[in-house]
N, C-alpha and C. Protein backbone atom coordinates (compact mmCIF):
# COMPACT_ATOMS: atom_id res chain seq x y z
N MET A 1 55.12 -18.03 -14.10
CA MET A 1 53.60 -18.06 -14.65
C MET A 1 52.76 -19.51 -13.74
N VAL A 2 51.91 -18.99 -13.55
CA VAL A 2 51.37 -19.91 -12.40
C VAL A 2 50.14 -20.77 -13.63
N ASP A 3 50.11 -21.90 -13.10
CA ASP A 3 48.93 -22.95 -14.09
C ASP A 3 48.20 -22.78 -13.91
N ASP A 4 46.91 -22.99 -14.52
CA ASP A 4 45.48 -22.88 -14.15
C ASP A 4 44.93 -23.96 -13.11
N ASN A 5 44.16 -23.90 -12.13
CA ASN A 5 43.71 -25.29 -11.61
C ASN A 5 42.81 -25.91 -12.62
N GLU A 6 43.01 -27.41 -11.97
CA GLU A 6 42.43 -28.37 -13.06
C GLU A 6 41.50 -29.07 -12.13
N TYR A 7 40.42 -29.75 -12.59
CA TYR A 7 39.63 -30.45 -11.86
C TYR A 7 39.10 -31.68 -12.68
N TYR A 8 38.74 -32.54 -11.94
CA TYR A 8 38.02 -33.74 -12.68
C TYR A 8 37.26 -34.68 -11.64
N ALA A 9 36.15 -35.70 -12.17
CA ALA A 9 35.64 -36.34 -11.32
C ALA A 9 35.18 -37.78 -11.96
N TYR A 10 35.19 -39.02 -11.27
CA TYR A 10 34.85 -40.02 -11.89
C TYR A 10 34.35 -40.84 -10.80
N PHE A 11 33.32 -41.80 -11.32
CA PHE A 11 32.70 -42.93 -10.68
C PHE A 11 33.53 -43.99 -10.79
N SER A 12 33.54 -44.95 -9.71
CA SER A 12 34.26 -46.06 -9.72
C SER A 12 34.10 -47.19 -8.78
N VAL A 13 34.20 -48.19 -8.87
CA VAL A 13 33.80 -49.61 -8.34
C VAL A 13 35.01 -50.62 -8.47
N LYS A 14 35.27 -51.13 -7.37
CA LYS A 14 36.39 -51.80 -7.22
C LYS A 14 36.49 -53.11 -6.31
N GLY A 15 36.87 -54.43 -6.59
CA GLY A 15 36.79 -55.35 -6.23
C GLY A 15 37.22 -56.52 -6.82
N GLU A 16 36.32 -57.98 -6.66
CA GLU A 16 36.63 -59.16 -7.30
C GLU A 16 35.74 -59.28 -8.27
N PHE A 17 35.98 -59.05 -9.19
CA PHE A 17 35.20 -58.71 -10.62
C PHE A 17 36.28 -58.59 -11.68
N ASP A 18 35.40 -59.00 -13.03
CA ASP A 18 35.54 -59.02 -14.49
C ASP A 18 35.01 -57.80 -15.15
N PRO A 19 35.83 -56.86 -15.13
CA PRO A 19 35.61 -55.44 -15.52
C PRO A 19 34.45 -55.51 -16.85
N ALA A 20 34.76 -56.53 -17.46
CA ALA A 20 33.68 -56.80 -18.62
C ALA A 20 32.21 -57.09 -18.23
N ASP A 21 32.40 -57.71 -17.04
CA ASP A 21 31.00 -58.10 -16.33
C ASP A 21 30.30 -57.08 -15.89
N ILE A 22 30.98 -55.79 -15.41
CA ILE A 22 30.12 -54.38 -14.96
C ILE A 22 29.73 -53.72 -16.42
N THR A 23 30.88 -53.67 -17.29
CA THR A 23 30.27 -53.09 -18.67
C THR A 23 29.08 -53.56 -19.13
N ALA A 24 29.09 -55.20 -19.27
CA ALA A 24 27.96 -55.69 -19.37
C ALA A 24 26.56 -55.24 -18.64
N ARG A 25 26.67 -55.32 -17.45
CA ARG A 25 25.97 -54.96 -16.46
C ARG A 25 25.18 -53.48 -16.88
N VAL A 26 26.20 -52.57 -16.80
CA VAL A 26 25.38 -51.14 -16.85
C VAL A 26 25.52 -50.77 -18.39
N GLY A 27 25.74 -51.31 -19.45
CA GLY A 27 25.76 -51.14 -21.00
C GLY A 27 26.32 -49.84 -21.01
N VAL A 28 27.96 -49.24 -20.43
CA VAL A 28 28.69 -48.25 -20.83
C VAL A 28 30.17 -48.61 -20.84
N GLU A 29 30.74 -48.31 -21.62
CA GLU A 29 31.88 -48.43 -21.78
C GLU A 29 32.91 -47.82 -21.07
N PRO A 30 33.87 -48.29 -19.84
CA PRO A 30 34.19 -47.46 -18.74
C PRO A 30 35.47 -46.65 -19.54
N THR A 31 35.60 -45.65 -19.11
CA THR A 31 36.67 -44.75 -19.17
C THR A 31 38.30 -45.71 -18.98
N GLU A 32 38.21 -46.37 -17.95
CA GLU A 32 39.42 -47.01 -17.79
C GLU A 32 39.17 -47.91 -16.67
N CYS A 33 39.55 -49.10 -17.06
CA CYS A 33 39.38 -50.60 -16.13
C CYS A 33 41.07 -51.15 -16.26
N TRP A 34 40.79 -52.27 -14.90
CA TRP A 34 41.98 -53.04 -15.06
C TRP A 34 41.18 -54.52 -14.07
N ARG A 35 41.93 -55.94 -14.49
CA ARG A 35 41.29 -56.34 -13.80
C ARG A 35 42.47 -57.21 -12.72
N LYS A 36 42.27 -57.13 -11.54
CA LYS A 36 42.78 -57.92 -10.66
C LYS A 36 44.17 -59.00 -11.31
N GLY A 37 45.52 -58.42 -11.08
CA GLY A 37 46.35 -59.33 -11.33
C GLY A 37 46.99 -58.66 -12.79
N ASP A 38 46.21 -57.72 -13.40
CA ASP A 38 46.97 -57.12 -14.45
C ASP A 38 48.31 -56.66 -13.51
N THR A 39 49.09 -55.71 -14.89
CA THR A 39 50.74 -55.26 -14.26
C THR A 39 50.23 -53.51 -14.40
N CYS A 40 50.36 -53.09 -13.27
CA CYS A 40 50.41 -51.55 -13.34
C CYS A 40 51.46 -50.90 -14.27
N PRO A 41 51.27 -50.35 -15.30
CA PRO A 41 52.26 -50.09 -16.27
C PRO A 41 52.99 -49.16 -15.67
N ARG A 42 52.57 -48.06 -14.54
CA ARG A 42 53.71 -46.95 -14.01
C ARG A 42 54.52 -47.43 -12.88
N ARG A 43 53.79 -48.62 -12.25
CA ARG A 43 54.85 -49.31 -11.05
C ARG A 43 55.25 -50.67 -11.42
N LEU A 44 54.88 -51.01 -12.54
CA LEU A 44 55.27 -52.52 -12.83
C LEU A 44 55.02 -53.89 -11.93
N MET A 45 54.05 -53.42 -11.07
CA MET A 45 53.51 -54.07 -10.05
C MET A 45 52.25 -54.52 -10.40
N GLU A 46 51.88 -55.98 -9.64
CA GLU A 46 50.73 -56.51 -10.12
C GLU A 46 49.54 -56.08 -8.92
N ARG A 47 48.31 -55.79 -9.99
CA ARG A 47 47.23 -54.85 -9.15
C ARG A 47 46.64 -55.81 -8.18
N LYS A 48 46.14 -55.09 -7.24
CA LYS A 48 45.57 -56.24 -6.05
C LYS A 48 44.23 -56.45 -6.28
N PHE A 49 43.51 -55.60 -6.99
CA PHE A 49 41.55 -55.51 -7.30
C PHE A 49 41.51 -55.17 -8.48
N SER A 50 40.28 -55.37 -9.11
CA SER A 50 39.90 -54.89 -10.34
C SER A 50 39.11 -53.71 -10.15
N ARG A 51 39.01 -52.65 -11.16
CA ARG A 51 38.91 -51.42 -11.16
C ARG A 51 37.98 -51.04 -12.02
N TRP A 52 37.04 -50.34 -12.17
CA TRP A 52 36.09 -49.99 -13.37
C TRP A 52 35.81 -48.45 -13.12
N CYS A 53 36.07 -47.65 -14.27
CA CYS A 53 36.10 -46.19 -14.00
C CYS A 53 35.41 -45.44 -15.02
N LEU A 54 34.35 -44.56 -14.76
CA LEU A 54 33.55 -43.80 -15.89
C LEU A 54 33.84 -42.35 -15.19
N HIS A 55 34.50 -41.30 -16.23
CA HIS A 55 35.02 -40.07 -16.04
C HIS A 55 34.07 -39.17 -16.75
N SER A 56 34.05 -37.74 -15.74
CA SER A 56 33.30 -36.72 -16.14
C SER A 56 33.85 -36.40 -18.04
N ARG A 57 32.85 -36.02 -18.72
CA ARG A 57 33.38 -35.73 -20.13
C ARG A 57 33.49 -34.50 -20.14
N LEU A 58 33.50 -33.46 -19.17
CA LEU A 58 33.84 -32.46 -19.29
C LEU A 58 35.41 -31.82 -19.39
N SER A 59 35.41 -30.50 -19.52
CA SER A 59 37.32 -30.19 -19.34
C SER A 59 37.61 -29.72 -18.52
N ARG A 60 39.03 -29.80 -18.45
CA ARG A 60 39.31 -29.75 -16.59
C ARG A 60 39.32 -28.58 -16.12
N ASP A 61 38.83 -27.52 -16.85
CA ASP A 61 38.31 -26.13 -16.24
C ASP A 61 37.20 -26.03 -15.63
N GLN A 62 36.17 -26.93 -15.69
CA GLN A 62 35.16 -26.74 -15.47
C GLN A 62 35.02 -27.12 -13.77
N THR A 63 34.05 -26.46 -12.81
CA THR A 63 34.12 -26.62 -11.43
C THR A 63 33.73 -28.33 -11.24
N LEU A 64 34.44 -28.35 -9.96
CA LEU A 64 34.03 -29.86 -9.47
C LEU A 64 32.74 -30.53 -9.50
N GLU A 65 31.69 -28.93 -9.02
CA GLU A 65 30.59 -29.55 -8.98
C GLU A 65 30.09 -29.85 -10.62
N ALA A 66 30.40 -29.28 -11.57
CA ALA A 66 30.15 -29.39 -12.87
C ALA A 66 30.32 -30.97 -13.16
N HIS A 67 31.30 -31.57 -12.92
CA HIS A 67 31.98 -32.63 -13.33
C HIS A 67 31.02 -33.78 -12.52
N VAL A 68 30.84 -33.72 -11.30
CA VAL A 68 29.77 -34.32 -10.35
C VAL A 68 28.47 -34.58 -11.17
N VAL A 69 28.22 -33.60 -11.80
CA VAL A 69 26.80 -33.39 -12.06
C VAL A 69 26.81 -34.59 -13.52
N ASP A 70 27.96 -33.97 -13.88
CA ASP A 70 28.00 -34.93 -15.49
C ASP A 70 28.26 -36.31 -15.08
N VAL A 71 28.97 -36.73 -14.43
CA VAL A 71 28.94 -38.13 -13.78
C VAL A 71 27.63 -38.63 -13.31
N LEU A 72 26.97 -38.17 -12.68
CA LEU A 72 25.88 -38.37 -12.28
C LEU A 72 24.62 -38.37 -13.20
N ALA A 73 24.99 -37.54 -14.01
CA ALA A 73 23.82 -37.82 -15.54
C ALA A 73 24.05 -39.13 -16.51
N GLN A 74 25.49 -39.62 -16.37
CA GLN A 74 25.81 -40.85 -17.07
C GLN A 74 25.21 -41.85 -16.23
N LEU A 75 25.16 -41.72 -14.86
CA LEU A 75 25.02 -42.96 -14.26
C LEU A 75 23.24 -43.23 -14.39
N ASP A 76 22.42 -41.76 -14.29
CA ASP A 76 21.26 -41.72 -14.35
C ASP A 76 20.55 -42.46 -15.86
N ALA A 77 21.50 -42.60 -16.81
CA ALA A 77 21.36 -43.13 -18.11
C ALA A 77 20.95 -44.70 -18.03
N ASN A 78 21.34 -45.52 -17.02
CA ASN A 78 20.94 -46.75 -16.21
C ASN A 78 21.26 -47.12 -14.82
N SER A 79 19.91 -46.18 -14.22
CA SER A 79 20.41 -46.06 -12.73
C SER A 79 20.34 -47.28 -12.02
N GLN A 80 19.46 -47.96 -12.67
CA GLN A 80 19.23 -49.41 -11.90
C GLN A 80 20.29 -50.31 -11.94
N ALA A 81 21.01 -50.45 -12.86
CA ALA A 81 22.03 -50.83 -13.04
C ALA A 81 23.29 -50.41 -12.22
N PHE A 82 23.40 -49.17 -12.12
CA PHE A 82 24.69 -48.46 -11.94
C PHE A 82 24.61 -48.29 -10.31
N ARG A 83 23.56 -48.38 -9.80
CA ARG A 83 23.07 -48.55 -8.14
C ARG A 83 23.27 -49.73 -7.73
N ALA A 84 22.90 -50.83 -8.46
CA ALA A 84 23.50 -52.38 -7.83
C ALA A 84 24.92 -52.51 -8.19
N ALA A 85 25.37 -52.00 -9.00
CA ALA A 85 26.90 -52.07 -9.27
C ALA A 85 27.63 -51.05 -8.04
N SER A 86 27.10 -50.29 -7.66
CA SER A 86 27.77 -49.74 -6.57
C SER A 86 27.27 -49.74 -5.37
N GLN A 87 26.37 -50.73 -5.00
CA GLN A 87 25.70 -51.09 -3.71
C GLN A 87 26.85 -52.60 -3.73
N GLU A 88 26.75 -53.55 -4.42
CA GLU A 88 27.45 -54.45 -4.56
C GLU A 88 28.86 -54.22 -4.19
N PHE A 89 29.58 -53.24 -5.19
CA PHE A 89 31.08 -53.10 -5.11
C PHE A 89 31.54 -51.76 -4.64
N GLY A 90 30.82 -51.10 -3.74
CA GLY A 90 31.29 -50.03 -2.98
C GLY A 90 31.80 -48.82 -3.72
N GLY A 91 30.40 -48.28 -4.53
CA GLY A 91 30.87 -47.18 -5.56
C GLY A 91 31.25 -46.11 -4.96
N THR A 92 32.27 -45.38 -5.72
CA THR A 92 32.74 -44.12 -5.15
C THR A 92 32.84 -43.13 -6.32
N MET A 93 32.40 -41.96 -5.77
CA MET A 93 32.80 -40.82 -6.45
C MET A 93 34.15 -39.87 -6.41
N GLN A 94 34.83 -40.11 -7.15
CA GLN A 94 36.37 -39.61 -7.02
C GLN A 94 36.31 -38.15 -7.32
N LEU A 95 36.83 -37.23 -6.80
CA LEU A 95 37.10 -35.87 -7.02
C LEU A 95 38.55 -35.62 -6.77
N VAL A 96 38.88 -34.98 -8.04
CA VAL A 96 40.51 -34.71 -7.91
C VAL A 96 40.47 -33.12 -8.32
N GLY A 97 41.03 -32.80 -7.78
CA GLY A 97 41.54 -30.98 -7.79
C GLY A 97 43.14 -30.53 -7.95
N TYR A 98 43.74 -30.13 -8.83
CA TYR A 98 45.15 -29.25 -8.66
C TYR A 98 44.86 -27.90 -8.43
N PHE A 99 45.17 -27.74 -7.25
CA PHE A 99 45.27 -26.15 -7.13
C PHE A 99 46.08 -25.30 -7.39
N PHE A 100 46.22 -24.66 -8.20
CA PHE A 100 47.60 -23.81 -8.64
C PHE A 100 47.88 -22.51 -8.12
N ARG A 101 46.25 -21.84 -8.44
CA ARG A 101 46.01 -20.33 -8.42
C ARG A 101 45.52 -20.03 -7.04
N ASP A 102 44.65 -20.94 -6.70
CA ASP A 102 44.08 -20.64 -5.44
C ASP A 102 43.02 -21.95 -5.27
N TYR A 103 42.31 -21.87 -4.04
CA TYR A 103 41.42 -22.84 -3.54
C TYR A 103 40.02 -22.20 -3.83
N PRO A 104 38.89 -22.59 -4.89
CA PRO A 104 37.85 -22.13 -4.65
C PRO A 104 36.26 -22.50 -3.78
N GLY A 105 37.09 -23.30 -3.20
CA GLY A 105 35.94 -23.88 -2.10
C GLY A 105 35.17 -25.10 -2.71
N LEU A 106 34.32 -25.72 -2.21
CA LEU A 106 33.26 -26.63 -2.78
C LEU A 106 32.38 -26.83 -2.04
N GLN A 107 31.03 -26.74 -3.11
CA GLN A 107 29.64 -26.81 -2.36
C GLN A 107 28.98 -27.51 -3.19
N PHE A 108 28.03 -28.50 -3.07
CA PHE A 108 27.29 -29.23 -3.49
C PHE A 108 25.94 -28.80 -3.51
N GLU A 109 24.80 -28.68 -4.63
CA GLU A 109 23.54 -28.33 -4.47
C GLU A 109 22.97 -29.40 -3.94
N ARG A 110 21.69 -29.10 -3.69
CA ARG A 110 20.85 -30.13 -2.79
C ARG A 110 20.86 -31.51 -4.01
N GLY A 111 20.22 -31.11 -5.19
CA GLY A 111 20.51 -32.23 -6.25
C GLY A 111 21.57 -33.10 -6.36
N VAL A 112 22.41 -32.55 -6.16
CA VAL A 112 24.02 -33.35 -6.33
C VAL A 112 24.23 -34.15 -5.09
N THR A 113 23.80 -34.06 -4.07
CA THR A 113 23.85 -34.79 -2.78
C THR A 113 22.86 -35.56 -2.77
N GLU A 114 21.81 -35.41 -3.17
CA GLU A 114 20.67 -36.66 -3.74
C GLU A 114 21.00 -37.53 -4.49
N GLY A 115 21.95 -36.90 -5.40
CA GLY A 115 22.42 -37.86 -6.61
C GLY A 115 23.60 -38.79 -6.10
N LEU A 116 24.29 -38.18 -5.20
CA LEU A 116 25.37 -39.21 -4.35
C LEU A 116 24.68 -40.13 -3.71
N ALA A 117 23.68 -39.52 -2.72
CA ALA A 117 22.85 -40.83 -2.16
C ALA A 117 21.99 -41.54 -2.58
N ARG A 118 21.93 -41.38 -3.73
CA ARG A 118 20.92 -42.11 -4.87
C ARG A 118 21.65 -43.31 -4.93
N TYR A 119 22.78 -43.43 -5.18
CA TYR A 119 23.99 -44.39 -5.93
C TYR A 119 24.69 -44.85 -4.62
N SER A 120 24.66 -44.42 -3.77
CA SER A 120 25.13 -45.09 -2.33
C SER A 120 26.68 -44.99 -2.37
N LEU A 121 27.23 -43.49 -2.85
CA LEU A 121 28.36 -43.17 -3.29
C LEU A 121 29.17 -42.86 -2.15
N GLU A 122 30.65 -43.31 -2.09
CA GLU A 122 31.39 -42.72 -1.22
C GLU A 122 31.93 -41.63 -1.86
N VAL A 123 32.37 -40.42 -1.18
CA VAL A 123 33.22 -39.53 -1.81
C VAL A 123 34.26 -39.58 -1.30
N ASP A 124 35.73 -39.36 -2.19
CA ASP A 124 36.94 -39.51 -2.05
C ASP A 124 37.51 -37.99 -2.62
N PHE A 125 38.46 -37.37 -1.94
CA PHE A 125 38.69 -36.12 -2.07
C PHE A 125 40.51 -36.14 -2.38
N ASP A 126 40.66 -35.99 -3.69
CA ASP A 126 42.33 -35.79 -3.98
C ASP A 126 42.80 -34.36 -4.45
N PHE A 127 43.09 -33.65 -3.47
CA PHE A 127 43.35 -32.60 -3.87
C PHE A 127 44.83 -31.91 -3.56
N TYR A 128 45.41 -31.58 -4.56
CA TYR A 128 46.92 -31.17 -4.33
C TYR A 128 47.19 -29.72 -4.81
């Protein structure tokens, strides 16, 4: 039996910062974060940079576009602070897809691309 496809997306910034400072600036708790110098539990190696991430709240059976829309909605809750953090630390919208059954394609409506641009986001695709 073949597994169902899984998708998720998240916003992230990385660089030289204390993740608690990003949290204070944007007023939202991260889904995941770490500080430069922390030990990565999987590789047992020292992290080379700090990272702060905010994941989609949707289940992994929703479309990638829906995940991106959800992340953008979370950023819109404090758009000025997220825009500033994104511009200062090179914000990324990370898209992750595990394609076990098929590849359904990917299309973003105009409002989604405008949202990505509003936060000056790079887009990184990790498809497996």
